[in-house]
Protein backbone atom coordinates (compact mmCIF):
# COMPACT_ATOMS: atom_id res chain seq x y z
CA MET A 1 36.52 44.73 -53.48
CA ASN A 2 37.20 48.05 -51.66
CA PRO A 3 38.46 48.08 -48.04
CA VAL A 4 36.03 49.18 -45.33
CA ILE A 5 38.55 48.90 -42.40
CA SER A 6 42.06 50.24 -42.39
CA ILE A 7 44.72 48.81 -40.20
CA ILE A 8 47.54 51.36 -39.78
CA MET A 9 50.69 50.73 -37.84
CA GLY A 10 53.56 53.04 -37.04
CA SER A 11 56.08 50.54 -38.20
CA THR A 12 56.13 47.09 -39.88
CA SER A 13 57.72 45.85 -36.46
CA ASP A 14 54.07 46.15 -35.26
CA LEU A 15 52.98 43.44 -37.71
CA PRO A 16 53.20 40.41 -35.51
CA VAL A 17 50.70 42.07 -33.13
CA MET A 18 48.40 43.44 -35.82
CA GLU A 19 48.25 40.19 -37.66
CA LYS A 20 45.68 39.06 -35.05
CA ALA A 21 43.38 41.89 -36.22
CA ALA A 22 43.93 41.06 -39.87
CA GLN A 23 43.23 37.38 -39.32
CA LEU A 24 39.96 38.10 -37.53
CA LEU A 25 38.81 40.57 -40.24
CA ASN A 26 39.77 38.01 -42.86
CA ASP A 27 37.79 35.28 -41.01
CA PHE A 28 34.69 37.53 -41.11
CA ARG A 29 35.32 38.26 -44.75
CA ILE A 30 35.62 42.02 -44.23
CA PRO A 31 37.69 43.78 -46.84
CA PHE A 32 40.56 45.68 -45.23
CA GLU A 33 43.81 47.31 -45.91
CA MET A 34 47.12 47.51 -44.02
CA ASN A 35 49.63 50.34 -44.12
CA ALA A 36 52.69 51.53 -42.20
CA LEU A 37 52.52 55.21 -41.55
CA SER A 38 54.39 57.16 -39.02
CA ALA A 39 53.02 60.25 -37.26
CA HIS A 40 56.55 61.45 -36.80
CA ARG A 41 58.41 60.28 -39.79
CA THR A 42 55.59 60.62 -42.50
CA PRO A 43 53.23 63.20 -40.98
CA GLU A 44 51.99 64.54 -44.31
CA ALA A 45 51.14 60.96 -45.54
CA VAL A 46 49.31 60.35 -42.20
CA GLU A 47 47.25 63.51 -42.53
CA GLU A 48 46.43 62.84 -46.25
CA PHE A 49 45.43 59.20 -45.29
CA ALA A 50 43.09 60.45 -42.50
CA LYS A 51 41.45 63.19 -44.53
CA ASN A 52 40.68 60.86 -47.42
CA ALA A 53 39.75 57.72 -45.65
CA ARG A 54 36.02 58.26 -45.65
CA LYS A 55 36.00 59.24 -49.34
CA ARG A 56 37.70 55.93 -50.09
CA GLY A 57 35.00 53.97 -48.38
CA ILE A 58 36.78 53.38 -45.08
CA LYS A 59 34.34 53.01 -42.08
CA VAL A 60 36.67 52.31 -39.19
CA ILE A 61 40.41 52.84 -38.65
CA ILE A 62 42.52 50.65 -36.35
CA ALA A 63 45.72 52.40 -35.58
CA ALA A 64 48.64 50.76 -33.75
CA ALA A 65 51.55 52.61 -32.28
CA GLY A 66 54.21 52.14 -29.62
CA MET A 67 56.20 54.46 -27.46
CA ALA A 68 54.92 58.07 -27.86
CA ALA A 69 52.03 56.54 -29.91
CA ALA A 70 50.94 59.69 -31.59
CA LEU A 71 49.57 57.92 -34.69
CA PRO A 72 45.98 57.09 -33.48
CA GLY A 73 45.52 60.66 -32.06
CA VAL A 74 46.87 62.28 -35.15
CA ILE A 75 44.53 60.22 -37.39
CA ALA A 76 41.62 60.92 -35.10
CA ALA A 77 42.37 64.70 -35.37
CA ASN A 78 42.04 64.51 -39.17
CA THR A 79 38.96 62.29 -39.62
CA THR A 80 35.35 62.01 -38.46
CA LEU A 81 35.60 58.15 -38.58
CA PRO A 82 35.87 56.03 -35.54
CA VAL A 83 39.50 55.27 -34.65
CA ILE A 84 40.46 52.30 -32.47
CA GLY A 85 43.90 52.64 -30.89
CA VAL A 86 46.09 49.69 -30.18
CA PRO A 87 49.11 50.42 -27.85
CA ILE A 88 52.07 48.31 -28.79
CA LYS A 89 54.26 46.92 -26.11
CA GLY A 90 57.78 48.41 -26.24
CA SER A 91 60.98 47.33 -24.59
CA THR A 92 61.35 50.22 -22.20
CA LEU A 93 57.96 50.74 -20.47
CA ASP A 94 56.19 47.56 -21.72
CA GLY A 95 53.64 49.48 -23.63
CA VAL A 96 52.36 51.55 -20.71
CA ASP A 97 53.87 54.60 -22.38
CA ALA A 98 51.88 53.96 -25.54
CA LEU A 99 48.67 53.12 -23.57
CA TYR A 100 48.80 56.52 -21.81
CA SER A 101 49.64 58.39 -24.97
CA ILE A 102 46.55 56.85 -26.76
CA ILE A 103 44.00 57.08 -23.95
CA GLN A 104 44.82 60.68 -22.88
CA MET A 105 43.21 62.40 -25.93
CA PRO A 106 41.82 65.88 -25.56
CA PRO A 107 38.02 66.55 -25.65
CA GLY A 108 36.54 66.26 -29.15
CA ILE A 109 39.30 63.92 -30.38
CA PRO A 110 38.28 60.44 -29.04
CA VAL A 111 40.24 57.32 -29.68
CA ALA A 112 38.67 54.06 -28.53
CA THR A 113 41.53 52.29 -26.89
CA VAL A 114 42.15 48.49 -26.30
CA ALA A 115 44.64 46.75 -24.18
CA ILE A 116 48.38 46.78 -24.83
CA ASP A 117 48.88 44.46 -27.82
CA GLY A 118 45.09 44.04 -28.00
CA ALA A 119 44.83 43.86 -31.83
CA MET A 120 42.18 41.13 -31.81
CA ASN A 121 39.78 43.18 -29.54
CA ALA A 122 40.38 46.18 -31.88
CA ALA A 123 39.20 44.11 -34.80
CA ILE A 124 36.21 42.81 -32.76
CA LEU A 125 35.23 46.29 -31.87
CA ALA A 126 35.46 47.31 -35.54
CA VAL A 127 33.29 44.29 -36.50
CA GLN A 128 30.73 45.32 -33.87
CA ILE A 129 30.69 48.84 -35.27
CA LEU A 130 30.10 47.56 -38.79
CA ALA A 131 27.47 45.07 -37.66
CA LEU A 132 25.22 47.99 -36.49
CA ASN A 133 24.23 48.42 -40.24
CA ASP A 134 24.82 44.79 -41.50
CA THR A 135 22.35 42.13 -40.39
CA ALA A 136 24.38 39.32 -41.87
CA LEU A 137 27.57 40.48 -40.11
CA ALA A 138 25.62 40.83 -36.77
CA GLN A 139 24.49 37.31 -37.11
CA ALA A 140 28.04 36.05 -37.91
CA PHE A 141 29.31 37.93 -34.89
CA ALA A 142 26.66 36.50 -32.65
CA SER A 143 27.69 33.09 -33.86
CA TYR A 144 31.36 33.93 -33.07
CA LYS A 145 30.39 34.96 -29.41
CA GLU A 146 28.43 31.73 -29.06
CA GLY A 147 31.52 29.85 -30.16
CA LEU A 148 33.54 31.62 -27.42
CA LYS A 149 31.01 30.51 -24.87
CA LYS A 150 31.06 26.91 -26.08
CA LYS A 151 34.84 26.92 -26.04
CA ILE A 152 35.15 27.90 -22.37
CA THR A 153 32.24 25.59 -21.44
CA LYS A 154 34.30 22.67 -23.00
CA ALA A 155 37.46 23.84 -21.32
CA ASN A 156 35.67 23.74 -17.95
CA GLU A 157 34.41 20.18 -18.62
CA ASP A 158 37.92 19.14 -19.56
CA LEU A 159 39.19 20.34 -16.24
CA LYS A 160 37.24 17.49 -14.62
CA ASP A 161 39.78 15.09 -16.10
CA VAL A 162 42.66 16.87 -14.41
CA LYS A 163 43.55 14.88 -11.31
CA TYR A 164 45.21 15.96 -8.06
CA GLU A 165 45.20 14.18 -4.70
CA TYR A 166 43.27 17.00 -3.00
CA LYS A 167 41.20 18.15 -5.94
CA THR A 168 37.47 17.58 -5.10
CA ASN A 169 35.75 18.12 -8.38
């Protein structure tokens, strides 16, 4: 089983955030790989990874980075595959620095960017991209979305049981 999605993080300290993406891909039974590569500490490895990803069967890359967050952009500069950036919350600027670094790409080098620590949405976007050419995956994703709808409908119903003196519904 060869991976079709690659999850790349700048450091294994990003793993607690990126596990949400991994779990969603696992739940959809999509083969993926996870690696730690640094745009600053291992630039040659990042370039080699990006240039060879398509040949290895990768279809979408999810790249997470904090602080200067160069990793998603460096990968996007070296591949024609779609890259989804996940800004990681840091201790100094709460991930805003990473968010700005990832979304401010120059023309011709796009990185689709999700919210700070938005690994699950990155995986969902990757699933949607793959589902364009996979009917079974498209149906599974539609079921997933229907499940989200049912979950909030049930939560709204459960709120009826919450009692306050001045609550009218």
